[in-house]
Amino acid sequence: MAGKRKTKTPKQNLALGPSKWRLQHGGFGEAVRSADPETGTPVAHRYAMDTLGVMLGNGTITSEMRDAGEMFRKQFRCAALDTLRAMPLIRIPGGHAGDTTTEQQFQARERVAAAIDALGGPGSPAGACVWHVVGLESSITEWARRSGWCGRPIGHAQGQGVLVSALGVLAMHYGLTQRRAA
């Protein structure tokens, strides 16, 4: 009795780029070619693009707005306000339970608070959008679903508009753009 022959599925050529599955989860920048440190063979690295990179590529925001978002994200990380935390030292033998917040973190937290205040505070749409989308690196759609204004959900397009306007205010707050006469 003859069995069915298994058809060979062609293996994907890795030089062509990311798999179809990976592409549905976000865009990628151009391939950066370098040499593997261990073997010396040429490799191509494709880095995932963040929300600000995609918006800059689409022409939705300016480079000054992206720089302002990157500055906020850097300060946010330095302030240790993200949800990713290390294990508490009290659980490690020989660890101490003292306050582990550094002076650099306090200064970064003050700068983040000043930026959020410039956007209207943490309860304003712009402040909440920058906190979640730029600081915590949520997607605009995810933030829009969770947020609402006067009991109404915010759509993706409106959420993107809030982010664009907030990045413009941040760019002015950080001194990257000048105020123009109306």
C-alpha atoms as a PDB file:
ATOM      1  CA  MET A   1       0.000   0.000   0.000  1.00  0.00           C
ATOM      2  CA  ALA A   2       1.442   3.277  -1.023  1.00  0.00           C
ATOM      3  CA  GLY A   3       1.222   6.134   1.407  1.00  0.00           C
ATOM      4  CA  LYS A   4       0.777   9.748   0.614  1.00  0.00           C
ATOM      5  CA  ARG A   5       3.897  11.575  -0.238  1.00  0.00           C
ATOM      6  CA  LYS A   6       4.702  14.510   1.934  1.00  0.00           C
ATOM      7  CA  THR A   7       5.260  17.609  -0.062  1.00  0.00           C
ATOM      8  CA  LYS A   8       8.287  19.559   0.913  1.00  0.00           C
ATOM      9  CA  THR A   9       7.555  23.045   2.065  1.00  0.00           C
ATOM     10  CA  PRO A  10      10.186  25.456   0.865  1.00  0.00           C
ATOM     11  CA  LYS A  11      12.256  26.938   3.659  1.00  0.00           C
ATOM     12  CA  GLN A  12      12.069  30.671   3.880  1.00  0.00           C
ATOM     13  CA  ASN A  13      15.181  32.455   2.783  1.00  0.00           C
ATOM     14  CA  LEU A  14      16.238  34.432   5.850  1.00  0.00           C
ATOM     15  CA  ALA A  15      17.988  37.004   3.688  1.00  0.00           C
ATOM     16  CA  LEU A  16      14.587  38.116   2.351  1.00  0.00           C
ATOM     17  CA  GLY A  17      13.540  39.579   5.681  1.00  0.00           C
ATOM     18  CA  PRO A  18      11.310  38.877   8.658  1.00  0.00           C
ATOM     19  CA  SER A  19       8.682  36.165   8.525  1.00  0.00           C
ATOM     20  CA  LYS A  20       5.071  36.899   7.659  1.00  0.00           C
ATOM     21  CA  TRP A  21       4.089  36.291  11.285  1.00  0.00           C
ATOM     22  CA  ARG A  22       6.651  38.797  12.578  1.00  0.00           C
ATOM     23  CA  LEU A  23       5.636  41.456  10.076  1.00  0.00           C
ATOM     24  CA  GLN A  24       2.073  41.523  11.415  1.00  0.00           C
ATOM     25  CA  HIS A  25       3.425  42.738  14.753  1.00  0.00           C
ATOM     26  CA  GLY A  26       5.041  45.953  13.568  1.00  0.00           C
ATOM     27  CA  GLY A  27       7.353  47.468  11.037  1.00  0.00           C
ATOM     28  CA  PHE A  28      11.098  47.164  10.651  1.00  0.00           C
ATOM     29  CA  GLY A  29      13.814  49.562   9.626  1.00  0.00           C
ATOM     30  CA  GLU A  30      16.304  48.950   6.862  1.00  0.00           C
ATOM     31  CA  ALA A  31      18.707  46.056   7.338  1.00  0.00           C
ATOM     32  CA  VAL A  32      21.970  46.975   9.067  1.00  0.00           C
ATOM     33  CA  ARG A  33      24.770  44.790   7.802  1.00  0.00           C
ATOM     34  CA  SER A  34      27.641  43.794  10.072  1.00  0.00           C
ATOM     35  CA  ALA A  35      29.879  40.842  10.850  1.00  0.00           C
ATOM     36  CA  ASP A  36      29.056  38.167  13.416  1.00  0.00           C
ATOM     37  CA  PRO A  37      31.532  38.661  16.320  1.00  0.00           C
ATOM     38  CA  GLU A  38      32.129  34.926  16.749  1.00  0.00           C
ATOM     39  CA  THR A  39      32.365  33.649  13.192  1.00  0.00           C
ATOM     40  CA  GLY A  40      32.974  36.795  11.166  1.00  0.00           C
ATOM     41  CA  THR A  41      30.243  35.912   8.656  1.00  0.00           C
ATOM     42  CA  PRO A  42      28.136  38.776   7.340  1.00  0.00           C
ATOM     43  CA  VAL A  43      24.720  39.177   8.971  1.00  0.00           C
ATOM     44  CA  ALA A  44      21.803  41.573   8.517  1.00  0.00           C
ATOM     45  CA  HIS A  45      20.058  42.943  11.596  1.00  0.00           C
ATOM     46  CA  ARG A  46      16.535  44.302  11.239  1.00  0.00           C
ATOM     47  CA  TYR A  47      15.430  46.425  14.149  1.00  0.00           C
ATOM     48  CA  ALA A  48      11.779  46.823  15.052  1.00  0.00           C
ATOM     49  CA  MET A  49      10.470  50.359  14.714  1.00  0.00           C
ATOM     50  CA  ASP A  50       8.718  52.039  17.607  1.00  0.00           C
ATOM     51  CA  THR A  51       5.641  54.237  17.366  1.00  0.00           C
ATOM     52  CA  LEU A  52       7.660  57.436  17.053  1.00  0.00           C
ATOM     53  CA  GLY A  53       9.817  55.933  14.295  1.00  0.00           C
ATOM     54  CA  VAL A  54       6.775  54.829  12.317  1.00  0.00           C
ATOM     55  CA  MET A  55       5.142  58.254  12.702  1.00  0.00           C
ATOM     56  CA  LEU A  56       8.343  60.014  11.605  1.00  0.00           C
ATOM     57  CA  GLY A  57       8.601  57.701   8.602  1.00  0.00           C
ATOM     58  CA  ASN A  58       5.000  58.467   7.644  1.00  0.00           C
ATOM     59  CA  GLY A  59       5.596  62.202   7.940  1.00  0.00           C
ATOM     60  CA  THR A  60       3.062  62.535  10.762  1.00  0.00           C
ATOM     61  CA  ILE A  61       5.599  64.144  13.123  1.00  0.00           C
ATOM     62  CA  THR A  62       8.761  66.179  12.669  1.00  0.00           C
ATOM     63  CA  SER A  63      12.240  65.173  13.759  1.00  0.00           C
ATOM     64  CA  GLU A  64      12.016  67.698  16.619  1.00  0.00           C
ATOM     65  CA  MET A  65       8.858  65.983  17.875  1.00  0.00           C
ATOM     66  CA  ARG A  66      10.567  62.598  17.724  1.00  0.00           C
ATOM     67  CA  ASP A  67      13.591  63.991  19.587  1.00  0.00           C
ATOM     68  CA  ALA A  68      11.260  65.382  22.271  1.00  0.00           C
ATOM     69  CA  GLY A  69       9.594  61.966  22.594  1.00  0.00           C
ATOM     70  CA  GLU A  70      12.980  60.259  22.847  1.00  0.00           C
ATOM     71  CA  MET A  71      14.093  62.742  25.523  1.00  0.00           C
ATOM     72  CA  PHE A  72      10.918  62.068  27.507  1.00  0.00           C
ATOM     73  CA  ARG A  73      11.367  58.298  27.140  1.00  0.00           C
ATOM     74  CA  LYS A  74      14.988  58.522  28.311  1.00  0.00           C
ATOM     75  CA  GLN A  75      13.986  60.569  31.363  1.00  0.00           C
ATOM     76  CA  PHE A  76      11.086  58.193  32.048  1.00  0.00           C
ATOM     77  CA  ARG A  77      13.435  55.202  32.049  1.00  0.00           C
ATOM     78  CA  CYS A  78      16.016  57.017  34.159  1.00  0.00           C
ATOM     79  CA  ALA A  79      13.280  57.874  36.665  1.00  0.00           C
ATOM     80  CA  ALA A  80      12.417  54.146  36.897  1.00  0.00           C
ATOM     81  CA  LEU A  81       8.713  54.823  36.386  1.00  0.00           C
ATOM     82  CA  ASP A  82       8.126  51.898  34.037  1.00  0.00           C
ATOM     83  CA  THR A  83       6.505  48.719  35.272  1.00  0.00           C
ATOM     84  CA  LEU A  84       9.576  46.517  34.764  1.00  0.00           C
ATOM     85  CA  ARG A  85      11.263  46.175  38.126  1.00  0.00           C
ATOM     86  CA  ALA A  86      14.162  44.214  39.548  1.00  0.00           C
ATOM     87  CA  MET A  87      13.724  41.839  42.466  1.00  0.00           C
ATOM     88  CA  PRO A  88      13.678  43.716  45.801  1.00  0.00           C
ATOM     89  CA  LEU A  89      16.992  43.523  47.685  1.00  0.00           C
ATOM     90  CA  ILE A  90      15.181  42.633  50.909  1.00  0.00           C
ATOM     91  CA  ARG A  91      14.592  39.143  49.464  1.00  0.00           C
ATOM     92  CA  ILE A  92      18.305  38.587  48.775  1.00  0.00           C
ATOM     93  CA  PRO A  93      20.395  37.313  51.703  1.00  0.00           C
ATOM     94  CA  GLY A  94      22.575  40.214  52.852  1.00  0.00           C
ATOM     95  CA  GLY A  95      20.392  42.761  51.069  1.00  0.00           C
ATOM     96  CA  HIS A  96      19.143  45.862  52.800  1.00  0.00           C
ATOM     97  CA  ALA A  97      15.661  47.274  52.921  1.00  0.00           C
ATOM     98  CA  GLY A  98      16.673  50.952  52.707  1.00  0.00           C
ATOM     99  CA  ASP A  99      15.437  53.431  50.133  1.00  0.00           C
ATOM    100  CA  THR A 100      17.098  52.524  46.829  1.00  0.00           C
ATOM    101  CA  THR A 101      16.001  55.593  44.863  1.00  0.00           C
ATOM    102  CA  THR A 102      19.063  57.514  43.689  1.00  0.00           C
ATOM    103  CA  GLU A 103      19.505  61.270  43.324  1.00  0.00           C
ATOM    104  CA  GLN A 104      19.603  60.835  39.547  1.00  0.00           C
ATOM    105  CA  GLN A 105      16.183  59.128  39.680  1.00  0.00           C
ATOM    106  CA  PHE A 106      14.754  61.963  41.782  1.00  0.00           C
ATOM    107  CA  GLN A 107      15.997  64.554  39.281  1.00  0.00           C
ATOM    108  CA  ALA A 108      14.616  62.528  36.353  1.00  0.00           C
ATOM    109  CA  ARG A 109      11.266  62.242  38.130  1.00  0.00           C
ATOM    110  CA  GLU A 110      11.152  66.012  38.567  1.00  0.00           C
ATOM    111  CA  ARG A 111      11.864  66.500  34.840  1.00  0.00           C
ATOM    112  CA  VAL A 112       9.143  63.973  33.911  1.00  0.00           C
ATOM    113  CA  ALA A 113       6.689  65.707  36.253  1.00  0.00           C
ATOM    114  CA  ALA A 114       7.533  69.103  34.705  1.00  0.00           C
ATOM    115  CA  ALA A 115       6.955  67.709  31.203  1.00  0.00           C
ATOM    116  CA  ILE A 116       3.629  66.148  32.194  1.00  0.00           C
ATOM    117  CA  ASP A 117       2.584  69.438  33.834  1.00  0.00           C
ATOM    118  CA  ALA A 118       3.434  71.274  30.600  1.00  0.00           C
ATOM    119  CA  LEU A 119       1.023  68.901  28.839  1.00  0.00           C
ATOM    120  CA  GLY A 120      -1.812  69.681  31.248  1.00  0.00           C
ATOM    121  CA  GLY A 121      -1.123  67.186  34.023  1.00  0.00           C
ATOM    122  CA  PRO A 122      -1.522  63.418  34.292  1.00  0.00           C
ATOM    123  CA  GLY A 123      -5.316  63.598  34.021  1.00  0.00           C
ATOM    124  CA  SER A 124      -5.294  65.436  30.708  1.00  0.00           C
ATOM    125  CA  PRO A 125      -5.487  63.510  27.426  1.00  0.00           C
ATOM    126  CA  ALA A 126      -2.057  64.757  26.298  1.00  0.00           C
ATOM    127  CA  GLY A 127      -0.363  63.928  29.608  1.00  0.00           C
ATOM    128  CA  ALA A 128      -1.934  60.466  29.797  1.00  0.00           C
ATOM    129  CA  CYS A 129      -1.114  59.741  26.151  1.00  0.00           C
ATOM    130  CA  VAL A 130       2.564  60.646  26.496  1.00  0.00           C
ATOM    131  CA  TRP A 131       2.821  58.712  29.774  1.00  0.00           C
ATOM    132  CA  HIS A 132       1.386  55.517  28.285  1.00  0.00           C
ATOM    133  CA  VAL A 133       2.480  55.662  24.631  1.00  0.00           C
ATOM    134  CA  VAL A 134       5.926  57.245  24.936  1.00  0.00           C
ATOM    135  CA  GLY A 135       6.871  56.388  28.532  1.00  0.00           C
ATOM    136  CA  LEU A 136       5.374  52.915  28.958  1.00  0.00           C
ATOM    137  CA  GLU A 137       5.644  52.213  25.193  1.00  0.00           C
ATOM    138  CA  SER A 138       2.039  51.068  24.745  1.00  0.00           C
ATOM    139  CA  SER A 139       0.522  51.319  21.299  1.00  0.00           C
ATOM    140  CA  ILE A 140      -1.756  54.231  20.465  1.00  0.00           C
ATOM    141  CA  THR A 141      -4.642  51.825  19.913  1.00  0.00           C
ATOM    142  CA  GLU A 142      -4.081  50.164  23.297  1.00  0.00           C
ATOM    143  CA  TRP A 143      -4.020  53.521  25.069  1.00  0.00           C
ATOM    144  CA  ALA A 144      -7.105  54.710  23.167  1.00  0.00           C
ATOM    145  CA  ARG A 145      -9.068  51.599  24.144  1.00  0.00           C
ATOM    146  CA  ARG A 146      -8.182  52.021  27.804  1.00  0.00           C
ATOM    147  CA  SER A 147      -8.787  55.747  27.880  1.00  0.00           C
ATOM    148  CA  GLY A 148     -11.909  57.694  27.404  1.00  0.00           C
ATOM    149  CA  TRP A 149     -13.055  61.262  27.573  1.00  0.00           C
ATOM    150  CA  CYS A 150     -16.334  62.081  29.297  1.00  0.00           C
ATOM    151  CA  GLY A 151     -17.307  58.408  29.274  1.00  0.00           C
ATOM    152  CA  ARG A 152     -16.681  57.968  25.541  1.00  0.00           C
ATOM    153  CA  PRO A 153     -13.919  55.824  24.076  1.00  0.00           C
ATOM    154  CA  ILE A 154     -11.197  57.475  22.002  1.00  0.00           C
ATOM    155  CA  GLY A 155     -10.623  56.197  18.468  1.00  0.00           C
ATOM    156  CA  HIS A 156      -7.179  55.419  17.047  1.00  0.00           C
ATOM    157  CA  ALA A 157      -7.187  58.497  14.782  1.00  0.00           C
ATOM    158  CA  GLN A 158      -8.099  60.778  17.685  1.00  0.00           C
ATOM    159  CA  GLY A 159      -5.451  59.121  19.851  1.00  0.00           C
ATOM    160  CA  GLN A 160      -2.849  59.743  17.172  1.00  0.00           C
ATOM    161  CA  GLY A 161      -3.936  63.389  16.992  1.00  0.00           C
ATOM    162  CA  VAL A 162      -3.568  63.718  20.759  1.00  0.00           C
ATOM    163  CA  LEU A 163      -0.054  62.253  20.541  1.00  0.00           C
ATOM    164  CA  VAL A 164       0.980  64.563  17.684  1.00  0.00           C
ATOM    165  CA  SER A 165      -0.189  67.664  19.542  1.00  0.00           C
ATOM    166  CA  ALA A 166       1.417  66.473  22.792  1.00  0.00           C
ATOM    167  CA  LEU A 167       4.743  65.879  21.027  1.00  0.00           C
ATOM    168  CA  GLY A 168       4.557  69.411  19.619  1.00  0.00           C
ATOM    169  CA  VAL A 169       4.100  70.834  23.112  1.00  0.00           C
ATOM    170  CA  LEU A 170       6.937  68.628  24.423  1.00  0.00           C
ATOM    171  CA  ALA A 171       9.252  69.853  21.663  1.00  0.00           C
ATOM    172  CA  MET A 172       8.545  73.424  22.729  1.00  0.00           C
ATOM    173  CA  HIS A 173       8.934  72.505  26.421  1.00  0.00           C
ATOM    174  CA  TYR A 174      12.392  71.021  25.770  1.00  0.00           C
ATOM    175  CA  GLY A 175      13.387  74.006  23.628  1.00  0.00           C
ATOM    176  CA  LEU A 176      13.655  72.077  20.368  1.00  0.00           C
ATOM    177  CA  THR A 177      11.228  74.362  18.504  1.00  0.00           C
ATOM    178  CA  GLN A 178      10.539  78.060  18.698  1.00  0.00           C
ATOM    179  CA  ARG A 179       7.155  79.650  19.258  1.00  0.00           C
ATOM    180  CA  ARG A 180       5.840  81.058  15.992  1.00  0.00           C
ATOM    181  CA  ALA A 181       3.787  84.212  15.697  1.00  0.00           C
ATOM    182  CA  ALA A 182       0.176  83.557  14.766  1.00  0.00           C
END
